[in-house]
Amino acid sequence: METQSRRVPENVREMFKEPLGRDLKEEELTVIGKKKPKMITVGDVVSLTVVKHGIIPDLSIYDGMTERKEMTDFAALVKSKGWKETVVKNEAGTITAELIAAVRNALNGKKEIIRVEGEEDLATIPCILLSPEGTNIIYGWPGRGMKLIVTDENIRKKAQRLMEMTEELE
């Protein structure tokens, strides 16, 4: 995967609004947690929900906001537990080189947290492209709950096509 910062052009934004993966009911987290697959969470509410079920993801990515409103419960949890986090900048509609590098570095084996200054919505794409096959990626779908992606060749191809629709930032 390239490490160049990318932006979603206006003319293809609708393509990025299509959900990837399937709906995930909160009750399913217990079953998934027992299997102990590699797990990534993207979003404040999802990350908090997973942790409340006793599952510590291999990687959690959050921005301290939920549906454009400040959401501090997960941020407060990270702070109260003293969990180390990597902070990256990532504006809405972009996937920065800094975010890609942080995801790549986080998938090296130890538990990691990435706090995004800006927007983490597109972080799912580099997570799909960089995580090992069989990784569970759980992300929030605003107003609709949680989505689950299990990485495989098909979902990687979809993510790669989306990445190819983006344009390099100068």
Protein backbone atom coordinates (compact mmCIF):
# COMPACT_ATOMS: atom_id res chain seq x y z
CA MET A 1 0.00 0.00 0.00
CA GLU A 2 1.25 3.46 -0.90
CA THR A 3 2.08 5.84 1.91
CA GLN A 4 1.17 9.05 0.07
CA SER A 5 -1.57 11.27 1.55
CA ARG A 6 -4.82 10.90 -0.41
CA ARG A 7 -8.08 12.86 -0.79
CA VAL A 8 -11.51 11.69 -1.91
CA PRO A 9 -12.55 13.86 -4.88
CA GLU A 10 -16.04 15.40 -4.74
CA ASN A 11 -17.23 13.45 -7.80
CA VAL A 12 -16.74 10.03 -6.12
CA ARG A 13 -17.75 10.84 -2.51
CA GLU A 14 -20.99 8.83 -2.84
CA MET A 15 -18.97 5.67 -3.51
CA PHE A 16 -17.37 6.06 -0.06
CA LYS A 17 -20.76 6.24 1.65
CA GLU A 18 -21.60 2.64 0.78
CA PRO A 19 -21.12 0.40 3.84
CA LEU A 20 -18.50 -2.33 3.81
CA GLY A 21 -19.12 -5.50 5.79
CA ARG A 22 -22.26 -6.57 7.58
CA ASP A 23 -24.39 -5.29 10.45
CA LEU A 24 -23.08 -6.39 13.84
CA LYS A 25 -25.34 -6.74 16.87
CA GLU A 26 -23.79 -5.86 20.21
CA GLU A 27 -24.65 -9.34 21.55
CA GLU A 28 -22.33 -10.87 18.93
CA LEU A 29 -19.28 -9.22 20.53
CA THR A 30 -19.12 -11.87 23.24
CA VAL A 31 -18.89 -14.66 20.64
CA ILE A 32 -16.31 -12.78 18.58
CA GLY A 33 -14.26 -11.97 21.69
CA LYS A 34 -14.06 -15.64 22.70
CA LYS A 35 -12.54 -16.53 19.33
CA LYS A 36 -9.76 -13.98 19.96
CA PRO A 37 -9.20 -12.92 16.35
CA LYS A 38 -7.05 -9.91 15.55
CA MET A 39 -9.44 -6.99 16.07
CA ILE A 40 -9.49 -3.34 15.01
CA THR A 41 -12.12 -0.82 16.09
CA VAL A 42 -12.72 2.47 14.30
CA GLY A 43 -14.79 5.10 16.10
CA ASP A 44 -15.37 6.27 19.66
CA VAL A 45 -18.67 4.55 20.43
CA VAL A 46 -17.62 1.25 18.81
CA SER A 47 -14.28 1.24 20.64
CA LEU A 48 -15.99 1.95 23.97
CA THR A 49 -18.66 -0.70 23.34
CA VAL A 50 -16.08 -3.37 22.53
CA VAL A 51 -13.99 -2.53 25.62
CA LYS A 52 -17.12 -2.62 27.81
CA HIS A 53 -17.58 -6.20 26.61
CA GLY A 54 -14.16 -7.05 28.04
CA ILE A 55 -12.38 -7.12 24.68
CA ILE A 56 -9.21 -5.10 24.22
CA PRO A 57 -8.78 -4.55 20.46
CA ASP A 58 -5.36 -4.91 18.86
CA LEU A 59 -5.93 -1.42 17.44
CA SER A 60 -8.50 1.26 18.28
CA ILE A 61 -8.78 4.40 16.18
CA TYR A 62 -10.88 7.29 17.48
CA ASP A 63 -11.20 11.06 17.16
CA GLY A 64 -13.01 12.08 20.35
CA MET A 65 -16.15 12.97 18.38
CA THR A 66 -19.39 11.17 17.56
CA GLU A 67 -21.64 12.39 14.76
CA ARG A 68 -19.75 15.72 14.87
CA LYS A 69 -20.43 16.16 18.59
CA GLU A 70 -17.74 15.89 21.22
CA MET A 71 -17.71 12.41 22.68
CA THR A 72 -15.38 12.02 25.61
CA ASP A 73 -16.27 8.63 27.16
CA PHE A 74 -13.69 6.63 25.18
CA ALA A 75 -11.14 9.45 25.42
CA ALA A 76 -11.74 9.59 29.20
CA LEU A 77 -11.29 5.82 29.44
CA VAL A 78 -7.99 5.97 27.53
CA LYS A 79 -6.79 8.72 29.86
CA SER A 80 -7.98 7.06 33.09
CA LYS A 81 -6.35 3.73 32.15
CA GLY A 82 -3.14 5.51 31.18
CA TRP A 83 -3.18 3.84 27.78
CA LYS A 84 -0.52 5.17 25.43
CA GLU A 85 -1.82 6.59 22.20
CA THR A 86 -0.34 7.80 18.95
CA VAL A 87 -1.81 11.10 17.74
CA VAL A 88 -2.11 11.77 14.00
CA LYS A 89 -3.68 14.48 11.90
CA ASN A 90 -6.26 13.48 9.30
CA GLU A 91 -8.76 15.94 7.82
CA ALA A 92 -12.24 14.92 6.70
CA GLY A 93 -12.23 13.30 3.26
CA THR A 94 -8.55 12.38 3.47
CA ILE A 95 -6.30 9.46 4.32
CA THR A 96 -3.00 11.01 5.36
CA ALA A 97 0.40 9.40 5.09
CA GLU A 98 0.65 9.94 8.86
CA LEU A 99 -2.51 7.85 9.45
CA ILE A 100 -1.34 5.09 7.08
CA ALA A 101 2.05 4.92 8.82
CA ALA A 102 0.40 4.79 12.26
CA VAL A 103 -1.90 1.93 11.19
CA ARG A 104 1.05 0.03 9.67
CA ASN A 105 3.12 0.52 12.84
CA ALA A 106 0.20 -0.45 15.08
CA LEU A 107 -0.28 -3.81 13.42
CA ASN A 108 3.13 -5.06 14.57
CA GLY A 109 1.81 -7.13 17.45
CA LYS A 110 1.19 -5.03 20.55
CA LYS A 111 -2.10 -3.33 21.46
CA GLU A 112 -2.28 0.22 20.08
CA ILE A 113 -4.55 3.26 20.15
CA ILE A 114 -4.53 5.98 17.51
CA ARG A 115 -6.25 9.28 18.25
CA VAL A 116 -7.02 11.24 15.14
CA GLU A 117 -7.06 15.02 15.21
CA GLY A 118 -9.66 15.63 12.53
CA GLU A 119 -11.70 12.75 11.15
CA GLU A 120 -11.21 8.97 11.41
CA ASP A 121 -14.05 7.84 9.12
CA LEU A 122 -11.80 6.72 6.23
CA ALA A 123 -9.33 4.91 8.52
CA THR A 124 -11.17 1.67 7.78
CA ILE A 125 -9.64 1.57 4.28
CA PRO A 126 -5.95 1.41 5.31
CA CYS A 127 -6.96 -0.99 8.11
CA ILE A 128 -8.43 -3.37 5.52
CA LEU A 129 -5.42 -3.06 3.24
CA LEU A 130 -2.78 -3.46 5.95
CA SER A 131 -4.25 -6.01 8.38
CA PRO A 132 -3.72 -9.76 8.14
CA GLU A 133 -6.38 -11.96 6.56
CA GLY A 134 -9.13 -12.86 9.03
CA THR A 135 -8.85 -9.62 11.03
CA ASN A 136 -12.16 -8.36 12.42
CA ILE A 137 -12.61 -4.65 11.77
CA ILE A 138 -15.56 -3.13 13.61
CA TYR A 139 -16.64 0.40 12.82
CA GLY A 140 -19.60 2.63 13.52
CA TRP A 141 -22.26 3.40 10.95
CA PRO A 142 -23.85 6.67 12.16
CA GLY A 143 -27.45 6.21 13.15
CA ARG A 144 -27.38 2.50 12.22
CA GLY A 145 -25.05 0.79 14.69
CA MET A 146 -21.95 -1.28 14.12
CA LYS A 147 -20.52 -2.93 11.02
CA LEU A 148 -18.16 -5.90 10.89
CA ILE A 149 -15.59 -6.53 8.18
CA VAL A 150 -13.56 -9.74 8.19
CA THR A 151 -10.55 -9.13 5.98
CA ASP A 152 -10.21 -11.38 2.97
CA GLU A 153 -9.24 -11.03 -0.69
CA ASN A 154 -12.69 -9.74 -1.77
CA ILE A 155 -12.89 -6.94 0.79
CA ARG A 156 -9.27 -5.99 0.04
CA LYS A 157 -10.14 -5.63 -3.64
CA LYS A 158 -13.07 -3.32 -2.75
CA ALA A 159 -10.83 -1.25 -0.47
CA GLN A 160 -8.12 -1.09 -3.14
CA ARG A 161 -10.66 0.15 -5.71
CA LEU A 162 -11.76 2.87 -3.29
CA MET A 163 -8.14 3.83 -2.65
CA GLU A 164 -7.54 4.06 -6.41
CA MET A 165 -10.44 6.55 -6.69
CA THR A 166 -8.64 8.96 -4.36
CA GLU A 167 -6.15 11.55 -5.57
CA GLU A 168 -2.69 12.28 -4.23
CA LEU A 169 -2.33 15.34 -2.05
CA GLU A 170 0.57 17.67 -2.78
